[in-house]
Amino acid sequence: AVRKQLGEITSARTPYVLVLAGDHLYRMDFEAMGAFMEETKADIVVAVQPVSKNDTNRFGILKRGKDFRITDFAEKPKDPQVLKKMVSRSDPEKPYLGSMGIYLFKKEVLDEMLKGTSFDDFGGHVIPAALGTHKVVGYDFNGYWEDIGTIRSFYDTNLLLTTPNSPFNFVDPDNPIYTHPRFLPGSTIEDSHLENVLLAEGCTIQNADIRHSVVGLRSQIRSGVRMIDTIMMGGDYYETACRDETSEYGVCMGIGDGADIEGAIIDKNAHIGRGTIIRPFPRGTDIDSEKWVVRDGIVVIPKNAVLLPGSIIRP
């Protein structure tokens, strides 16, 4: 993706290029990272976090010297001998430093590393190759950061945000995070119980019991629904007037009367028939079905899927 944008990057005439991933949740002051690059006179800066031994197989682990310079890099190492030489910290709980996949390059260095090579991965190819030819330093970040690139991490992280003492807070007046304005009406909630719920705008909830869940924009949740430990993505649009007995397949968009759902991710525009029952599977379970899948025990209802009334998905 970065290689395809080199023309745009060149035309911007900026001396630095910040490369970010699209599947991470964190809040970082990139200006401070830039100041660190100037201070250390580095060619490349890699944002790093302390990592425990149990998590080394999830990260690129790097060896950093006292001058912040990175001298060695191993992508998701498992070999004990490799890990032994990668210790960078005196903390016995988290003796390693892991790459966060956030990189700040001098523009000419990025050009050199991409135009003259066939590298297609920063952590696996570009950064290790640059260690012997350029000054690459590690920038410490001690705030909350989570990679949500898998179904399990996406699910766990979103539900963690619903808890009262969530480690990440979107409401920070000094460091605001903005969303795309949609100008939808406020959500309507009738005779329902909501506990530890993130609720977006434009929803209608009627006589439902919802706990430890995320309810996305334009979600329609009907009478008698029980929803626990679930992420409902909502809808891209409002369905025209719908009654179960007249709609296609007998199912309206949203969640139908009396549905009982636990441990699921419901993608946008899904039609969940009345009386549907969904339960999570044991961790590690992967199943492919025509209208739903299971990934690491989490039931996933795909976008635009239709579950007929009375559907049952459970171990």
Protein backbone atom coordinates (compact mmCIF):
# COMPACT_ATOMS: atom_id res chain seq x y z
CA ALA A 1 0.00 0.00 0.00
CA VAL A 2 2.81 2.42 0.87
CA ARG A 3 4.70 1.50 -2.28
CA LYS A 4 1.64 2.36 -4.38
CA GLN A 5 1.43 5.76 -2.70
CA LEU A 6 5.07 6.79 -3.22
CA GLY A 7 4.05 9.17 -6.00
CA GLU A 8 1.62 10.96 -3.70
CA ILE A 9 4.17 10.96 -0.90
CA THR A 10 6.78 12.54 -3.19
CA SER A 11 4.38 15.21 -4.45
CA ALA A 12 3.59 16.21 -0.85
CA ARG A 13 7.25 17.30 -0.46
CA THR A 14 7.33 16.39 3.21
CA PRO A 15 10.65 15.45 4.83
CA TYR A 16 9.09 12.68 6.94
CA VAL A 17 6.58 9.88 6.41
CA LEU A 18 4.55 8.37 9.25
CA VAL A 19 3.37 4.80 8.56
CA LEU A 20 0.42 3.58 10.65
CA ALA A 21 -1.67 0.43 10.82
CA GLY A 22 -5.45 0.56 10.45
CA ASP A 23 -6.29 -2.15 12.99
CA HIS A 24 -4.83 -0.76 16.22
CA LEU A 25 -6.53 1.05 19.11
CA TYR A 26 -4.41 3.64 20.90
CA ARG A 27 -3.87 7.36 21.43
CA MET A 28 -0.40 8.73 20.65
CA ASP A 29 1.19 12.16 20.31
CA PHE A 30 3.02 11.82 16.99
CA GLU A 31 4.57 15.28 17.43
CA ALA A 32 6.55 13.92 20.38
CA MET A 33 7.67 10.98 18.22
CA GLY A 34 8.90 13.45 15.60
CA ALA A 35 10.80 15.43 18.23
CA PHE A 36 12.45 12.18 19.36
CA MET A 37 13.60 11.56 15.78
CA GLU A 38 15.21 15.00 15.64
CA GLU A 39 16.81 14.56 19.05
CA THR A 40 18.37 11.19 18.21
CA LYS A 41 19.19 12.14 14.60
CA ALA A 42 17.57 8.91 13.48
CA ASP A 43 16.67 7.78 9.98
CA ILE A 44 13.81 5.58 11.17
CA VAL A 45 11.86 5.56 14.44
CA VAL A 46 9.93 2.48 15.57
CA ALA A 47 7.36 2.87 18.33
CA VAL A 48 7.90 0.16 20.96
CA GLN A 49 6.17 -1.21 24.05
CA PRO A 50 7.30 -3.54 26.85
CA VAL A 51 6.35 -7.16 26.16
CA SER A 52 6.13 -10.19 28.45
CA LYS A 53 7.64 -13.57 27.54
CA ASN A 54 4.18 -15.01 26.94
CA ASP A 55 3.45 -12.41 24.25
CA THR A 56 6.68 -12.54 22.24
CA ASN A 57 5.08 -14.74 19.58
CA ARG A 58 2.63 -11.92 18.77
CA PHE A 59 5.18 -9.16 18.09
CA GLY A 60 8.34 -8.24 16.30
CA ILE A 61 10.84 -8.27 19.18
CA LEU A 62 13.82 -5.92 19.03
CA LYS A 63 17.08 -5.46 20.87
CA ARG A 64 17.76 -1.84 21.84
CA GLY A 65 20.97 -0.34 23.21
CA LYS A 66 21.44 2.48 25.71
CA ASP A 67 21.45 5.09 22.94
CA PHE A 68 17.94 3.94 21.86
CA ARG A 69 19.44 2.40 18.73
CA ILE A 70 17.92 -0.90 17.61
CA THR A 71 20.63 -3.46 16.94
CA ASP A 72 18.63 -6.62 16.29
CA PHE A 73 15.09 -7.55 15.26
CA ALA A 74 13.21 -10.87 15.26
CA GLU A 75 9.67 -11.29 13.93
CA LYS A 76 7.50 -13.22 16.45
CA PRO A 77 10.40 -15.30 17.83
CA LYS A 78 9.83 -18.61 19.64
CA ASP A 79 13.38 -19.98 19.90
CA PRO A 80 14.60 -19.61 23.54
CA GLN A 81 18.14 -18.86 22.36
CA VAL A 82 16.90 -16.01 20.17
CA LEU A 83 14.77 -14.62 22.99
CA LYS A 84 17.69 -14.76 25.39
CA LYS A 85 19.73 -12.32 23.32
CA MET A 86 16.75 -10.00 22.72
CA VAL A 87 16.30 -8.91 26.35
CA SER A 88 16.32 -5.09 26.49
CA ARG A 89 14.80 -4.34 29.89
CA SER A 90 15.60 -5.21 33.53
CA ASP A 91 11.92 -5.73 34.34
CA PRO A 92 11.45 -9.50 34.90
CA GLU A 93 7.73 -9.25 34.05
CA LYS A 94 8.30 -7.58 30.69
CA PRO A 95 11.95 -7.94 29.70
CA TYR A 96 11.40 -7.44 25.96
CA LEU A 97 10.51 -4.57 23.65
CA GLY A 98 7.98 -5.20 20.92
CA SER A 99 7.36 -3.22 17.75
CA MET A 100 3.93 -1.58 17.62
CA GLY A 101 3.94 -1.45 13.82
CA ILE A 102 4.17 2.36 13.89
CA TYR A 103 7.09 3.80 11.90
CA LEU A 104 8.44 7.28 11.21
CA PHE A 105 10.80 7.50 8.20
CA LYS A 106 12.90 10.16 6.64
CA LYS A 107 11.36 10.51 3.21
CA GLU A 108 14.56 9.70 1.30
CA VAL A 109 15.18 6.61 3.47
CA LEU A 110 11.70 5.27 2.74
CA ASP A 111 12.33 5.80 -0.96
CA GLU A 112 15.61 3.94 -0.77
CA MET A 113 14.17 0.99 1.17
CA LEU A 114 11.21 0.50 -1.19
CA LYS A 115 12.32 1.57 -4.67
CA GLY A 116 15.46 -0.53 -4.74
CA THR A 117 13.96 -3.68 -3.23
CA SER A 118 11.02 -6.07 -3.47
CA PHE A 119 10.23 -5.86 0.26
CA ASP A 120 6.54 -6.23 1.04
CA ASP A 121 6.47 -6.12 4.86
CA PHE A 122 7.86 -3.48 7.21
CA GLY A 123 8.36 -5.68 10.27
CA GLY A 124 9.57 -8.74 8.40
CA HIS A 125 11.71 -7.11 5.71
CA VAL A 126 12.22 -3.33 5.76
CA ILE A 127 13.19 -2.74 9.40
CA PRO A 128 15.59 -5.73 9.71
CA ALA A 129 17.32 -4.71 6.45
CA ALA A 130 17.67 -1.10 7.61
CA LEU A 131 19.48 -1.98 10.84
CA GLY A 132 22.81 -2.43 9.09
CA THR A 133 22.60 0.61 6.84
CA HIS A 134 20.66 3.29 8.75
CA LYS A 135 20.15 4.58 12.26
CA VAL A 136 16.96 2.95 13.55
CA VAL A 137 15.81 3.85 17.06
CA GLY A 138 13.03 2.69 19.37
CA TYR A 139 10.56 5.24 20.76
CA ASP A 140 8.92 4.25 24.05
CA PHE A 141 5.14 4.31 24.29
CA ASN A 142 3.62 3.39 27.65
CA GLY A 143 -0.05 4.12 27.01
CA TYR A 144 -2.84 1.74 26.06
CA TRP A 145 -2.35 -0.01 22.72
CA GLU A 146 -4.07 -3.06 21.29
CA ASP A 147 -3.75 -4.81 17.95
CA ILE A 148 -7.30 -5.74 16.86
CA GLY A 149 -6.36 -7.54 13.66
CA THR A 150 -8.07 -10.84 14.55
CA ILE A 151 -11.70 -11.72 15.22
CA ARG A 152 -10.88 -12.63 18.82
CA SER A 153 -8.92 -9.44 19.58
CA PHE A 154 -11.58 -7.29 17.84
CA TYR A 155 -14.28 -8.95 19.94
CA ASP A 156 -12.45 -8.82 23.27
CA THR A 157 -11.25 -5.23 22.85
CA ASN A 158 -14.65 -3.85 21.86
CA LEU A 159 -16.36 -5.51 24.81
CA LEU A 160 -13.62 -4.28 27.15
CA LEU A 161 -14.59 -0.73 26.16
CA THR A 162 -18.07 -1.26 27.61
CA THR A 163 -16.78 -1.82 31.15
CA PRO A 164 -16.86 0.97 33.78
CA ASN A 165 -13.07 0.96 34.26
CA SER A 166 -12.05 0.44 30.66
CA PRO A 167 -8.30 0.98 30.11
CA PHE A 168 -9.07 3.12 27.05
CA ASN A 169 -11.41 6.11 27.17
CA PHE A 170 -12.70 7.88 24.07
CA VAL A 171 -13.81 10.84 26.20
CA ASP A 172 -10.63 12.91 26.64
CA PRO A 173 -11.07 16.68 26.19
CA ASP A 174 -7.32 17.21 25.79
CA ASN A 175 -6.85 14.45 23.21
CA PRO A 176 -10.20 14.03 21.42
CA ILE A 177 -10.96 11.22 18.98
CA TYR A 178 -13.51 12.16 16.34
CA THR A 179 -15.96 10.00 14.44
CA HIS A 180 -17.63 10.61 11.10
CA PRO A 181 -20.73 12.83 11.64
CA ARG A 182 -23.88 11.13 10.40
CA PHE A 183 -26.57 13.47 11.79
CA LEU A 184 -28.83 10.58 12.79
CA PRO A 185 -31.67 10.91 15.29
CA GLY A 186 -31.06 10.03 18.90
CA SER A 187 -31.62 6.43 19.91
CA THR A 188 -35.05 5.47 21.28
CA ILE A 189 -35.16 3.05 24.22
CA GLU A 190 -38.49 1.70 25.50
CA ASP A 191 -38.92 -0.28 28.72
CA SER A 192 -35.48 -1.92 28.46
CA HIS A 193 -32.55 -2.81 30.69
CA LEU A 194 -29.07 -1.83 29.47
CA GLU A 195 -25.96 -2.61 31.52
CA ASN A 196 -22.40 -1.83 30.38
CA VAL A 197 -23.45 -1.01 26.82
CA LEU A 198 -21.87 1.21 24.17
CA LEU A 199 -24.84 2.60 22.23
CA ALA A 200 -24.56 4.45 18.91
CA GLU A 201 -27.08 6.88 17.45
CA GLY A 202 -30.20 6.18 15.44
CA CYS A 203 -31.21 2.95 17.23
CA THR A 204 -34.59 1.63 18.35
CA ILE A 205 -34.68 -0.74 21.33
CA GLN A 206 -37.96 -2.13 22.64
CA ASN A 207 -38.41 -4.12 25.85
CA ALA A 208 -34.94 -5.69 25.63
CA ASP A 209 -32.30 -6.88 28.10
CA ILE A 210 -28.81 -5.94 26.84
CA ARG A 211 -25.63 -6.45 28.86
CA HIS A 212 -21.91 -6.09 28.16
CA SER A 213 -22.49 -5.36 24.48
CA VAL A 214 -21.90 -2.86 21.69
CA VAL A 215 -24.95 -1.62 19.76
CA GLY A 216 -24.00 0.03 16.45
CA LEU A 217 -25.76 2.78 14.56
CA ARG A 218 -29.31 2.26 13.25
CA SER A 219 -29.66 -1.01 15.18
CA GLN A 220 -33.23 -2.28 15.50
CA ILE A 221 -33.75 -4.52 18.55
CA ARG A 222 -37.28 -5.71 19.13
CA SER A 223 -39.42 -6.86 22.05
CA GLY A 224 -38.18 -9.60 24.35
CA VAL A 225 -34.62 -9.70 22.99
CA ARG A 226 -31.86 -10.78 25.34
CA MET A 227 -28.35 -9.88 24.18
CA ILE A 228 -25.16 -10.51 26.17
CA ASP A 229 -21.43 -10.29 25.28
CA THR A 230 -22.30 -9.31 21.72
CA ILE A 231 -21.15 -6.76 19.16
CA MET A 232 -23.97 -5.62 16.88
CA MET A 233 -22.58 -3.49 14.05
CA GLY A 234 -25.96 -1.98 13.12
CA GLY A 235 -27.14 -0.94 9.67
CA ASP A 236 -25.96 1.08 6.68
CA TYR A 237 -29.51 2.33 6.10
CA TYR A 238 -33.02 2.26 7.53
CA GLU A 239 -35.25 -0.46 6.17
CA THR A 240 -38.64 0.75 4.95
CA ALA A 241 -41.71 -0.13 7.04
CA CYS A 242 -41.44 -3.83 7.79
CA ARG A 243 -43.60 -6.47 9.44
CA ASP A 244 -42.27 -9.97 9.94
CA GLU A 245 -45.14 -11.56 8.10
CA THR A 246 -44.73 -9.40 4.96
CA SER A 247 -40.95 -8.94 4.72
CA GLU A 248 -38.71 -11.12 2.57
CA TYR A 249 -38.08 -14.46 4.32
CA GLY A 250 -40.38 -13.23 7.09
CA VAL A 251 -37.48 -11.42 8.76
CA CYS A 252 -36.93 -7.69 9.26
CA MET A 253 -33.52 -6.04 9.48
CA GLY A 254 -32.18 -6.11 13.02
CA ILE A 255 -33.01 -8.57 15.77
CA GLY A 256 -36.50 -10.07 15.88
CA ASP A 257 -38.82 -10.59 18.85
CA GLY A 258 -37.64 -12.93 21.57
CA ALA A 259 -34.18 -13.63 20.14
CA ASP A 260 -31.61 -14.76 22.73
CA ILE A 261 -28.02 -13.98 21.71
CA GLU A 262 -24.71 -14.46 23.52
CA GLY A 263 -21.09 -14.32 22.38
CA ALA A 264 -21.61 -13.09 18.83
CA ILE A 265 -20.54 -10.49 16.30
CA ILE A 266 -23.46 -9.41 14.12
CA ASP A 267 -22.31 -7.54 11.03
CA LYS A 268 -24.24 -4.73 9.37
CA ASN A 269 -27.67 -5.15 7.77
CA ALA A 270 -28.18 -8.62 9.24
CA HIS A 271 -31.73 -9.95 9.56
CA ILE A 272 -32.06 -12.07 12.72
CA GLY A 273 -35.42 -13.86 12.83
CA ARG A 274 -37.65 -13.89 15.89
CA GLY A 275 -36.85 -16.56 18.45
CA THR A 276 -33.28 -17.10 17.20
CA ILE A 277 -30.87 -18.54 19.76
CA ILE A 278 -27.10 -18.00 19.52
CA ARG A 279 -24.49 -19.24 22.00
CA PRO A 280 -20.67 -19.10 21.89
CA PHE A 281 -18.56 -22.15 21.13
CA PRO A 282 -15.43 -23.25 23.04
CA ARG A 283 -12.35 -21.15 22.33
CA GLY A 284 -10.38 -22.42 19.38
CA THR A 285 -13.48 -23.61 17.52
CA ASP A 286 -13.69 -22.64 13.81
CA ILE A 287 -16.77 -23.56 11.75
CA ASP A 288 -17.92 -22.47 8.30
CA SER A 289 -21.66 -22.59 7.64
CA GLU A 290 -23.74 -21.20 4.79
CA LYS A 291 -25.22 -18.32 6.80
CA TRP A 292 -22.79 -17.96 9.73
CA VAL A 293 -19.27 -18.83 10.82
CA VAL A 294 -17.45 -19.44 14.07
CA ARG A 295 -13.98 -18.02 14.64
CA ASP A 296 -12.10 -18.90 17.83
CA GLY A 297 -15.43 -19.73 19.47
CA ILE A 298 -17.15 -16.47 18.47
CA VAL A 299 -20.27 -16.75 16.31
CA VAL A 300 -20.05 -14.28 13.41
CA ILE A 301 -23.15 -13.35 11.41
CA PRO A 302 -21.91 -11.88 8.09
CA LYS A 303 -23.06 -8.63 6.55
CA ASN A 304 -26.55 -8.80 4.96
CA ALA A 305 -27.10 -12.34 6.28
CA VAL A 306 -30.61 -13.63 6.96
CA LEU A 307 -31.34 -16.07 9.81
CA LEU A 308 -34.84 -17.49 9.59
CA PRO A 309 -37.15 -17.38 12.62
CA GLY A 310 -36.31 -20.02 15.19
CA SER A 311 -32.71 -20.48 14.03
CA ILE A 312 -30.44 -22.11 16.62
CA ILE A 313 -26.65 -21.73 16.61
CA ARG A 314 -24.96 -23.33 19.60
CA PRO A 315 -22.41 -26.04 20.52
